[in-house]
N, C-alpha and C. Protein backbone atom coordinates (compact mmCIF):
# COMPACT_ATOMS: atom_id res chain seq x y z
N MET A 1 95.10 97.93 131.09
CA MET A 1 95.89 99.11 131.31
C MET A 1 97.26 98.97 130.65
N PHE A 2 97.90 97.80 130.79
CA PHE A 2 99.21 97.60 130.20
C PHE A 2 99.17 97.74 128.68
N LEU A 3 98.08 97.27 128.09
CA LEU A 3 97.98 97.29 126.63
C LEU A 3 97.90 98.70 126.07
N ARG A 4 97.51 99.66 126.88
CA ARG A 4 97.43 101.05 126.41
C ARG A 4 98.82 101.65 126.21
N LEU A 5 99.86 101.00 126.74
CA LEU A 5 101.23 101.48 126.58
C LEU A 5 101.81 101.12 125.22
N LEU A 6 101.14 100.24 124.53
CA LEU A 6 101.66 99.71 123.27
C LEU A 6 101.22 100.53 122.08
N PRO A 7 102.05 100.51 121.03
CA PRO A 7 101.62 101.16 119.79
C PRO A 7 100.45 100.36 119.21
N ASN A 8 99.52 101.06 118.61
CA ASN A 8 98.40 100.35 118.01
C ASN A 8 97.86 101.11 116.82
N GLU A 9 96.69 100.71 116.39
CA GLU A 9 96.06 101.35 115.25
C GLU A 9 95.65 102.77 115.61
N PRO A 10 95.08 103.51 114.72
CA PRO A 10 94.73 104.90 114.99
C PRO A 10 94.04 105.09 116.34
N PRO A 11 94.34 106.20 117.02
CA PRO A 11 93.82 106.42 118.37
C PRO A 11 92.30 106.42 118.49
N ASN A 12 91.60 106.62 117.40
CA ASN A 12 90.14 106.63 117.49
C ASN A 12 89.56 105.20 117.50
N THR A 13 90.42 104.21 117.46
CA THR A 13 89.98 102.82 117.52
C THR A 13 89.87 102.42 118.98
N GLU A 14 88.66 102.08 119.42
CA GLU A 14 88.44 101.72 120.83
C GLU A 14 89.08 100.39 121.19
N ASP A 15 88.98 99.41 120.33
CA ASP A 15 89.49 98.08 120.62
C ASP A 15 90.38 97.64 119.45
N PRO A 16 91.61 98.14 119.41
CA PRO A 16 92.48 97.86 118.26
C PRO A 16 92.91 96.40 118.20
N PHE A 17 93.26 95.98 117.02
CA PHE A 17 93.85 94.67 116.84
C PHE A 17 95.35 94.83 117.04
N LEU A 18 95.97 93.89 117.76
CA LEU A 18 97.40 93.95 118.03
C LEU A 18 98.09 92.72 117.47
N THR A 19 99.30 92.92 116.97
CA THR A 19 100.10 91.82 116.45
C THR A 19 101.04 91.31 117.54
N PRO A 20 101.60 90.12 117.37
CA PRO A 20 102.57 89.63 118.36
C PRO A 20 103.75 90.60 118.54
N GLN A 21 104.18 91.24 117.47
CA GLN A 21 105.30 92.18 117.55
C GLN A 21 104.95 93.39 118.41
N GLU A 22 103.72 93.85 118.34
CA GLU A 22 103.30 95.00 119.12
C GLU A 22 103.21 94.68 120.62
N LEU A 23 103.10 93.41 120.96
CA LEU A 23 103.02 93.00 122.36
C LEU A 23 104.40 92.84 123.00
N GLN A 24 105.44 92.79 122.20
CA GLN A 24 106.78 92.49 122.71
C GLN A 24 107.22 93.42 123.85
N PRO A 25 106.91 94.71 123.86
CA PRO A 25 107.33 95.56 124.99
C PRO A 25 106.80 95.09 126.34
N LEU A 26 105.74 94.32 126.36
CA LEU A 26 105.21 93.82 127.63
C LEU A 26 106.17 92.87 128.33
N SER A 27 107.10 92.30 127.59
CA SER A 27 108.02 91.34 128.21
C SER A 27 108.87 91.97 129.30
N ILE A 28 109.04 93.30 129.27
CA ILE A 28 109.82 93.95 130.34
C ILE A 28 109.00 94.09 131.62
N LEU A 29 107.69 93.98 131.53
CA LEU A 29 106.83 94.12 132.70
C LEU A 29 106.55 92.79 133.39
N PHE A 30 106.76 91.69 132.69
CA PHE A 30 106.41 90.38 133.21
C PHE A 30 107.64 89.48 133.27
N LYS A 31 107.59 88.51 134.17
CA LYS A 31 108.67 87.54 134.32
C LYS A 31 108.47 86.44 133.28
N VAL A 32 109.05 86.65 132.12
CA VAL A 32 108.93 85.69 131.02
C VAL A 32 110.31 85.51 130.39
N ASP A 33 110.46 84.47 129.62
CA ASP A 33 111.70 84.22 128.89
C ASP A 33 111.83 85.28 127.80
N ARG A 34 112.81 86.14 127.92
CA ARG A 34 112.96 87.25 126.97
C ARG A 34 113.55 86.81 125.63
N ASN A 35 113.96 85.54 125.54
CA ASN A 35 114.46 85.02 124.27
C ASN A 35 113.33 84.56 123.37
N LYS A 36 112.11 84.54 123.91
CA LYS A 36 110.93 84.14 123.13
C LYS A 36 110.03 85.35 122.97
N PRO A 37 109.24 85.37 121.93
CA PRO A 37 108.27 86.46 121.78
C PRO A 37 107.27 86.42 122.93
N PHE A 38 106.85 87.58 123.41
CA PHE A 38 105.89 87.64 124.51
C PHE A 38 104.62 86.88 124.15
N SER A 39 104.21 86.97 122.91
CA SER A 39 102.97 86.31 122.48
C SER A 39 103.03 84.79 122.63
N SER A 40 104.23 84.21 122.70
CA SER A 40 104.33 82.75 122.88
C SER A 40 103.83 82.34 124.26
N ASN A 41 103.69 83.28 125.18
CA ASN A 41 103.15 83.01 126.51
C ASN A 41 101.62 83.06 126.54
N LEU A 42 101.04 83.41 125.42
CA LEU A 42 99.59 83.55 125.33
C LEU A 42 99.03 82.47 124.42
N SER A 43 98.44 81.47 125.02
CA SER A 43 97.92 80.36 124.22
C SER A 43 96.84 80.80 123.23
N ILE A 44 96.19 81.92 123.51
CA ILE A 44 95.14 82.39 122.61
C ILE A 44 95.69 82.86 121.26
N PHE A 45 96.98 83.20 121.21
CA PHE A 45 97.52 83.67 119.94
C PHE A 45 97.63 82.55 118.93
N GLY A 46 98.12 81.40 119.34
CA GLY A 46 98.24 80.29 118.41
C GLY A 46 98.83 80.75 117.09
N ASN A 47 98.08 80.59 116.02
CA ASN A 47 98.54 81.00 114.69
C ASN A 47 97.95 82.34 114.25
N ALA A 48 97.24 83.01 115.16
CA ALA A 48 96.61 84.28 114.80
C ALA A 48 97.65 85.34 114.50
N GLN A 49 97.37 86.18 113.54
CA GLN A 49 98.25 87.28 113.18
C GLN A 49 97.94 88.53 114.00
N LYS A 50 96.68 88.67 114.40
CA LYS A 50 96.23 89.82 115.19
C LYS A 50 95.08 89.37 116.07
N LEU A 51 95.01 89.98 117.25
CA LEU A 51 93.86 89.76 118.14
C LEU A 51 93.43 91.10 118.70
N LYS A 52 92.17 91.20 119.07
CA LYS A 52 91.67 92.43 119.67
C LYS A 52 92.33 92.64 121.03
N ALA A 53 92.61 93.89 121.36
CA ALA A 53 93.22 94.22 122.63
C ALA A 53 92.38 93.72 123.80
N SER A 54 91.07 93.80 123.69
CA SER A 54 90.19 93.35 124.77
C SER A 54 90.32 91.84 125.00
N THR A 55 90.48 91.08 123.93
CA THR A 55 90.64 89.63 124.03
C THR A 55 91.95 89.31 124.74
N ILE A 56 93.01 90.01 124.37
CA ILE A 56 94.32 89.80 125.00
C ILE A 56 94.26 90.18 126.47
N SER A 57 93.65 91.31 126.76
CA SER A 57 93.52 91.78 128.13
C SER A 57 92.74 90.78 128.98
N ASP A 58 91.64 90.27 128.45
CA ASP A 58 90.83 89.30 129.18
C ASP A 58 91.62 88.02 129.47
N HIS A 59 92.55 87.69 128.60
CA HIS A 59 93.37 86.49 128.77
C HIS A 59 94.49 86.73 129.78
N ILE A 60 95.11 87.91 129.75
CA ILE A 60 96.24 88.22 130.62
C ILE A 60 95.81 88.55 132.05
N SER A 61 94.78 89.35 132.20
CA SER A 61 94.39 89.87 133.52
C SER A 61 94.27 88.83 134.62
N PRO A 62 93.58 87.73 134.41
CA PRO A 62 93.46 86.76 135.51
C PRO A 62 94.75 86.02 135.83
N ARG A 63 95.75 86.14 134.98
CA ARG A 63 97.01 85.42 135.16
C ARG A 63 98.11 86.26 135.80
N ILE A 64 97.81 87.51 136.05
CA ILE A 64 98.82 88.40 136.64
C ILE A 64 98.95 88.10 138.13
N VAL A 65 100.19 87.84 138.53
CA VAL A 65 100.50 87.55 139.92
C VAL A 65 101.61 88.49 140.36
N LEU A 66 101.40 89.18 141.46
CA LEU A 66 102.44 90.07 141.98
C LEU A 66 103.50 89.25 142.68
N SER A 67 104.75 89.56 142.38
CA SER A 67 105.84 88.86 143.07
C SER A 67 106.99 89.81 143.32
């Protein structure tokens, strides 16, 4: 759900590829170090330039903790 707030490829793309820069707005929703790119909190990014939104979502969802 959070990933749908981000800019992405054309709207007709069901599972767009997202870059680390496109994920940066998520840092305002999560308790992370804002001096680092949000993608640095995602071990799956590593050296990848783009990942599918579904892959990112599958990685983030189980780690979300309400506080």
